Amino acid sequence: MVKTGKYTDYLSEELADPQFAEEYLNECLKDEDLGVFLLAVQDVAKAKDGIAVLAKHAKKNKESLYKTLSQKGNPYLRSMKEILYAIGFEFQVRKIKTNRKKPTRPKKRARISA
């Protein structure tokens, strides 16, 4: 059984590697619960320089940053972009592989004059 202290120390050491941190964030972003991703960002920030340093770089209040990166946080996209940039990452959009058809526009109906 791994004690929590040992696990958090291990995770912090692993997250110091930017490649590992990137993979960690991307995997957490796949979860349907946004809170998982927010906590992952918090983990990476703590491993990098700490929340206080992140708050300074992101020009955010430390307490509000903890609230934003909590499991119940609901940050604005702009805030999330600033936070990620401050820890050395960015959002990226990619086309997904899917068999779904493109949405079609409804056809215009001819007007019938009475």
N, C-alpha and C. Protein backbone atom coordinates (compact mmCIF):
# COMPACT_ATOMS: atom_id res chain seq x y z
N MET A 1 0.85 -1.18 0.00
CA MET A 1 0.00 0.00 0.00
C MET A 1 0.89 1.24 0.00
N VAL A 2 0.60 2.16 -0.92
CA VAL A 2 1.39 3.38 -1.03
C VAL A 2 0.76 4.47 -0.18
N LYS A 3 1.54 5.11 0.63
CA LYS A 3 1.03 6.21 1.44
C LYS A 3 0.86 7.43 0.55
N THR A 4 -0.12 8.26 0.88
CA THR A 4 -0.44 9.44 0.08
C THR A 4 0.77 10.35 -0.10
N GLY A 5 1.54 10.57 0.94
CA GLY A 5 2.72 11.42 0.86
C GLY A 5 3.71 10.92 -0.16
N LYS A 6 3.95 9.62 -0.16
CA LYS A 6 4.88 9.04 -1.12
C LYS A 6 4.34 9.17 -2.55
N TYR A 7 3.01 8.99 -2.72
CA TYR A 7 2.43 9.09 -4.05
C TYR A 7 2.54 10.52 -4.58
N THR A 8 2.20 11.50 -3.75
CA THR A 8 2.27 12.90 -4.21
C THR A 8 3.71 13.30 -4.51
N ASP A 9 4.66 12.80 -3.72
CA ASP A 9 6.07 13.08 -4.00
C ASP A 9 6.48 12.45 -5.33
N TYR A 10 6.04 11.23 -5.56
CA TYR A 10 6.36 10.53 -6.81
C TYR A 10 5.73 11.27 -8.00
N LEU A 11 4.47 11.66 -7.85
CA LEU A 11 3.78 12.37 -8.93
C LEU A 11 4.47 13.70 -9.23
N SER A 12 4.86 14.42 -8.20
CA SER A 12 5.56 15.70 -8.40
C SER A 12 6.87 15.51 -9.16
N GLU A 13 7.60 14.46 -8.82
CA GLU A 13 8.86 14.18 -9.52
C GLU A 13 8.60 13.88 -10.99
N GLU A 14 7.57 13.07 -11.26
CA GLU A 14 7.24 12.72 -12.64
C GLU A 14 6.76 13.94 -13.43
N LEU A 15 5.95 14.79 -12.79
CA LEU A 15 5.40 15.96 -13.47
C LEU A 15 6.43 17.05 -13.73
N ALA A 16 7.60 16.93 -13.14
CA ALA A 16 8.68 17.87 -13.42
C ALA A 16 9.19 17.70 -14.86
N ASP A 17 8.94 16.52 -15.43
CA ASP A 17 9.30 16.25 -16.82
C ASP A 17 8.19 16.80 -17.72
N PRO A 18 8.50 17.81 -18.57
CA PRO A 18 7.46 18.43 -19.41
C PRO A 18 6.71 17.44 -20.31
N GLN A 19 7.40 16.44 -20.82
CA GLN A 19 6.77 15.43 -21.68
C GLN A 19 5.72 14.64 -20.89
N PHE A 20 6.09 14.22 -19.69
CA PHE A 20 5.16 13.48 -18.84
C PHE A 20 3.98 14.37 -18.46
N ALA A 21 4.27 15.62 -18.10
CA ALA A 21 3.21 16.55 -17.71
C ALA A 21 2.22 16.77 -18.85
N GLU A 22 2.74 16.89 -20.07
CA GLU A 22 1.87 17.06 -21.24
C GLU A 22 0.94 15.86 -21.42
N GLU A 23 1.50 14.67 -21.33
CA GLU A 23 0.69 13.45 -21.48
C GLU A 23 -0.34 13.34 -20.35
N TYR A 24 0.07 13.68 -19.16
CA TYR A 24 -0.81 13.65 -17.98
C TYR A 24 -1.99 14.60 -18.18
N LEU A 25 -1.70 15.83 -18.61
CA LEU A 25 -2.77 16.81 -18.83
C LEU A 25 -3.71 16.35 -19.94
N ASN A 26 -3.16 15.84 -21.02
CA ASN A 26 -4.01 15.39 -22.13
C ASN A 26 -4.90 14.22 -21.73
N GLU A 27 -4.38 13.29 -20.97
CA GLU A 27 -5.19 12.16 -20.52
C GLU A 27 -6.30 12.63 -19.58
N CYS A 28 -5.97 13.56 -18.70
CA CYS A 28 -6.98 14.07 -17.76
C CYS A 28 -8.05 14.90 -18.49
N LEU A 29 -7.66 15.55 -19.56
CA LEU A 29 -8.60 16.34 -20.35
C LEU A 29 -9.64 15.46 -21.04
N LYS A 30 -9.29 14.21 -21.29
CA LYS A 30 -10.22 13.27 -21.93
C LYS A 30 -11.37 12.87 -21.01
N ASP A 31 -11.19 13.03 -19.72
CA ASP A 31 -12.23 12.65 -18.77
C ASP A 31 -13.46 13.55 -18.95
N GLU A 32 -14.63 12.99 -18.79
CA GLU A 32 -15.85 13.78 -18.93
C GLU A 32 -15.99 14.82 -17.83
N ASP A 33 -15.37 14.59 -16.70
CA ASP A 33 -15.44 15.52 -15.56
C ASP A 33 -14.34 16.55 -15.69
N LEU A 34 -14.69 17.81 -15.95
CA LEU A 34 -13.72 18.88 -16.09
C LEU A 34 -12.85 19.03 -14.84
N GLY A 35 -13.41 18.68 -13.68
CA GLY A 35 -12.68 18.79 -12.42
C GLY A 35 -11.40 17.96 -12.41
N VAL A 36 -11.40 16.84 -13.11
CA VAL A 36 -10.20 15.99 -13.19
C VAL A 36 -9.08 16.76 -13.87
N PHE A 37 -9.41 17.45 -14.96
CA PHE A 37 -8.41 18.24 -15.68
C PHE A 37 -7.92 19.41 -14.82
N LEU A 38 -8.83 20.08 -14.14
CA LEU A 38 -8.43 21.22 -13.32
C LEU A 38 -7.49 20.80 -12.20
N LEU A 39 -7.78 19.67 -11.58
CA LEU A 39 -6.88 19.16 -10.54
C LEU A 39 -5.53 18.76 -11.12
N ALA A 40 -5.54 18.25 -12.35
CA ALA A 40 -4.28 17.89 -13.02
C ALA A 40 -3.44 19.14 -13.28
N VAL A 41 -4.08 20.22 -13.69
CA VAL A 41 -3.35 21.49 -13.91
C VAL A 41 -2.75 21.95 -12.59
N GLN A 42 -3.52 21.80 -11.52
CA GLN A 42 -3.01 22.16 -10.20
C GLN A 42 -1.80 21.30 -9.83
N ASP A 43 -1.87 20.01 -10.11
CA ASP A 43 -0.74 19.11 -9.83
C ASP A 43 0.51 19.54 -10.59
N VAL A 44 0.34 19.87 -11.87
CA VAL A 44 1.48 20.29 -12.69
C VAL A 44 2.04 21.61 -12.18
N ALA A 45 1.17 22.53 -11.83
CA ALA A 45 1.63 23.83 -11.31
C ALA A 45 2.42 23.66 -10.02
N LYS A 46 1.93 22.80 -9.13
CA LYS A 46 2.64 22.55 -7.87
C LYS A 46 4.00 21.92 -8.13
N ALA A 47 4.06 21.01 -9.09
CA ALA A 47 5.32 20.33 -9.40
C ALA A 47 6.32 21.26 -10.06
N LYS A 48 5.81 22.20 -10.84
CA LYS A 48 6.70 23.10 -11.58
C LYS A 48 7.34 24.12 -10.64
N ASP A 49 6.57 25.07 -10.19
CA ASP A 49 7.11 26.12 -9.32
C ASP A 49 6.24 26.40 -8.10
N GLY A 50 5.08 25.81 -8.07
CA GLY A 50 4.15 26.05 -6.98
C GLY A 50 3.04 27.02 -7.39
N ILE A 51 1.97 27.00 -6.64
CA ILE A 51 0.80 27.82 -6.95
C ILE A 51 1.11 29.31 -6.80
N ALA A 52 1.90 29.69 -5.81
CA ALA A 52 2.23 31.10 -5.61
C ALA A 52 2.95 31.69 -6.82
N VAL A 53 3.90 30.95 -7.35
CA VAL A 53 4.64 31.41 -8.54
C VAL A 53 3.72 31.44 -9.75
N LEU A 54 2.87 30.41 -9.88
CA LEU A 54 1.91 30.39 -10.98
C LEU A 54 0.99 31.61 -10.90
N ALA A 55 0.50 31.91 -9.72
CA ALA A 55 -0.40 33.06 -9.55
C ALA A 55 0.29 34.35 -10.01
N LYS A 56 1.55 34.49 -9.69
CA LYS A 56 2.29 35.68 -10.10
C LYS A 56 2.43 35.74 -11.62
N HIS A 57 2.81 34.63 -12.25
CA HIS A 57 3.00 34.59 -13.70
C HIS A 57 1.68 34.75 -14.46
N ALA A 58 0.62 34.19 -13.92
CA ALA A 58 -0.69 34.25 -14.57
C ALA A 58 -1.45 35.52 -14.20
N LYS A 59 -0.84 36.31 -13.31
CA LYS A 59 -1.46 37.55 -12.84
C LYS A 59 -2.83 37.29 -12.22
N LYS A 60 -2.84 36.30 -11.33
CA LYS A 60 -4.06 35.90 -10.64
C LYS A 60 -3.82 35.94 -9.14
N ASN A 61 -4.89 36.06 -8.39
CA ASN A 61 -4.84 35.99 -6.94
C ASN A 61 -4.67 34.52 -6.54
N LYS A 62 -3.76 34.24 -5.61
CA LYS A 62 -3.47 32.85 -5.23
C LYS A 62 -4.71 32.10 -4.75
N GLU A 63 -5.53 32.75 -3.93
CA GLU A 63 -6.73 32.09 -3.40
C GLU A 63 -7.73 31.80 -4.50
N SER A 64 -7.91 32.75 -5.42
CA SER A 64 -8.86 32.51 -6.51
C SER A 64 -8.32 31.46 -7.47
N LEU A 65 -7.00 31.36 -7.58
CA LEU A 65 -6.40 30.34 -8.42
C LEU A 65 -6.68 28.94 -7.85
N TYR A 66 -6.56 28.80 -6.53
CA TYR A 66 -6.90 27.52 -5.91
C TYR A 66 -8.36 27.17 -6.18
N LYS A 67 -9.25 28.17 -6.09
CA LYS A 67 -10.67 27.94 -6.34
C LYS A 67 -10.90 27.56 -7.80
N THR A 68 -10.24 28.26 -8.71
CA THR A 68 -10.37 27.99 -10.14
C THR A 68 -9.92 26.58 -10.47
N LEU A 69 -8.82 26.14 -9.86
CA LEU A 69 -8.25 24.83 -10.15
C LEU A 69 -8.73 23.74 -9.19
N SER A 70 -9.87 23.98 -8.56
CA SER A 70 -10.45 22.95 -7.70
C SER A 70 -11.35 22.07 -8.55
N GLN A 71 -11.78 20.97 -7.99
CA GLN A 71 -12.62 20.04 -8.72
C GLN A 71 -13.95 20.68 -9.14
N LYS A 72 -14.40 21.67 -8.39
CA LYS A 72 -15.65 22.34 -8.72
C LYS A 72 -15.41 23.68 -9.44
N GLY A 73 -14.17 23.93 -9.83
CA GLY A 73 -13.85 25.17 -10.52
C GLY A 73 -14.56 25.25 -11.87
N ASN A 74 -14.78 26.47 -12.32
CA ASN A 74 -15.44 26.68 -13.61
C ASN A 74 -14.80 27.89 -14.28
N PRO A 75 -13.54 27.74 -14.70
CA PRO A 75 -12.81 28.90 -15.22
C PRO A 75 -13.29 29.34 -16.61
N TYR A 76 -13.10 30.61 -16.88
CA TYR A 76 -13.31 31.12 -18.22
C TYR A 76 -12.20 30.58 -19.11
N LEU A 77 -12.48 30.47 -20.39
CA LEU A 77 -11.48 29.97 -21.33
C LEU A 77 -10.23 30.84 -21.31
N ARG A 78 -10.40 32.14 -21.26
CA ARG A 78 -9.26 33.07 -21.23
C ARG A 78 -8.38 32.78 -20.01
N SER A 79 -9.00 32.59 -18.85
CA SER A 79 -8.24 32.30 -17.63
C SER A 79 -7.46 31.00 -17.78
N MET A 80 -8.12 29.99 -18.34
CA MET A 80 -7.46 28.69 -18.49
C MET A 80 -6.28 28.81 -19.44
N LYS A 81 -6.44 29.57 -20.52
CA LYS A 81 -5.33 29.77 -21.46
C LYS A 81 -4.16 30.46 -20.76
N GLU A 82 -4.43 31.47 -19.94
CA GLU A 82 -3.38 32.18 -19.21
C GLU A 82 -2.67 31.27 -18.22
N ILE A 83 -3.43 30.46 -17.53
CA ILE A 83 -2.86 29.53 -16.54
C ILE A 83 -1.97 28.50 -17.24
N LEU A 84 -2.50 27.91 -18.30
CA LEU A 84 -1.71 26.91 -19.03
C LEU A 84 -0.44 27.53 -19.60
N TYR A 85 -0.54 28.73 -20.15
CA TYR A 85 0.63 29.41 -20.70
C TYR A 85 1.68 29.64 -19.61
N ALA A 86 1.21 30.01 -18.42
CA ALA A 86 2.13 30.29 -17.31
C ALA A 86 2.89 29.05 -16.86
N ILE A 87 2.33 27.84 -17.10
CA ILE A 87 3.06 26.62 -16.74
C ILE A 87 3.70 25.96 -17.96
N GLY A 88 3.64 26.68 -19.10
CA GLY A 88 4.37 26.21 -20.28
C GLY A 88 3.58 25.35 -21.25
N PHE A 89 2.26 25.48 -21.25
CA PHE A 89 1.42 24.68 -22.14
C PHE A 89 0.39 25.57 -22.83
N GLU A 90 -0.31 24.98 -23.80
CA GLU A 90 -1.36 25.70 -24.50
C GLU A 90 -2.44 24.71 -24.94
N PHE A 91 -3.63 25.25 -25.19
CA PHE A 91 -4.69 24.43 -25.76
C PHE A 91 -4.41 24.24 -27.24
N GLN A 92 -4.90 23.14 -27.78
CA GLN A 92 -4.78 22.89 -29.20
C GLN A 92 -6.05 22.17 -29.65
N VAL A 93 -6.53 22.54 -30.81
CA VAL A 93 -7.73 21.91 -31.34
C VAL A 93 -7.33 20.99 -32.47
N ARG A 94 -7.88 19.79 -32.46
CA ARG A 94 -7.61 18.81 -33.52
C ARG A 94 -8.92 18.22 -34.00
N LYS A 95 -8.95 17.86 -35.25
CA LYS A 95 -10.11 17.19 -35.81
C LYS A 95 -10.16 15.79 -35.22
N ILE A 96 -11.34 15.39 -34.82
CA ILE A 96 -11.48 14.04 -34.28
C ILE A 96 -11.81 13.07 -35.40
N LYS A 97 -11.40 11.84 -35.21
CA LYS A 97 -11.71 10.79 -36.17
C LYS A 97 -13.08 10.23 -35.79
N THR A 98 -14.01 10.38 -36.70
CA THR A 98 -15.36 9.93 -36.42
C THR A 98 -16.07 9.56 -37.71
N ASN A 99 -17.09 8.77 -37.58
CA ASN A 99 -17.89 8.38 -38.73
C ASN A 99 -19.15 9.21 -38.84
N ARG A 100 -19.27 10.23 -37.97
CA ARG A 100 -20.46 11.07 -38.01
C ARG A 100 -20.50 11.88 -39.29
N LYS A 101 -21.69 12.05 -39.79
CA LYS A 101 -21.87 12.86 -41.00
C LYS A 101 -21.82 14.34 -40.61
N LYS A 102 -21.42 15.15 -41.57
CA LYS A 102 -21.41 16.59 -41.34
C LYS A 102 -22.84 17.07 -41.16
N PRO A 103 -23.04 18.04 -40.29
CA PRO A 103 -24.40 18.56 -40.13
C PRO A 103 -24.85 19.25 -41.42
N THR A 104 -26.09 19.06 -41.76
CA THR A 104 -26.62 19.69 -42.97
C THR A 104 -27.55 20.82 -42.60
N ARG A 105 -27.60 21.80 -43.45
CA ARG A 105 -28.51 22.92 -43.23
C ARG A 105 -29.90 22.51 -43.71
N PRO A 106 -30.90 22.96 -43.02
CA PRO A 106 -32.26 22.64 -43.49
C PRO A 106 -32.51 23.33 -44.83
N LYS A 107 -33.22 22.63 -45.70
CA LYS A 107 -33.54 23.20 -47.01
C LYS A 107 -34.58 24.28 -46.84
N LYS A 108 -34.43 25.33 -47.63
CA LYS A 108 -35.42 26.40 -47.59
C LYS A 108 -36.71 25.92 -48.25
N ARG A 109 -37.78 26.24 -47.61
CA ARG A 109 -39.09 25.85 -48.15
C ARG A 109 -39.57 26.97 -49.07
N ALA A 110 -40.18 26.56 -50.13
CA ALA A 110 -40.75 27.53 -51.05
C ALA A 110 -41.98 28.17 -50.40
N ARG A 111 -42.11 29.46 -50.56
CA ARG A 111 -43.29 30.13 -50.02
C ARG A 111 -44.48 29.91 -50.94
N ILE A 112 -45.56 29.67 -50.33
CA ILE A 112 -46.79 29.49 -51.09
C ILE A 112 -47.65 30.72 -50.85
N SER A 113 -47.98 31.40 -51.92
CA SER A 113 -48.82 32.61 -51.80
C SER A 113 -50.27 32.21 -51.81
N ALA A 114 -51.03 32.83 -50.96
CA ALA A 114 -52.44 32.51 -50.92
C ALA A 114 -53.25 33.51 -51.71
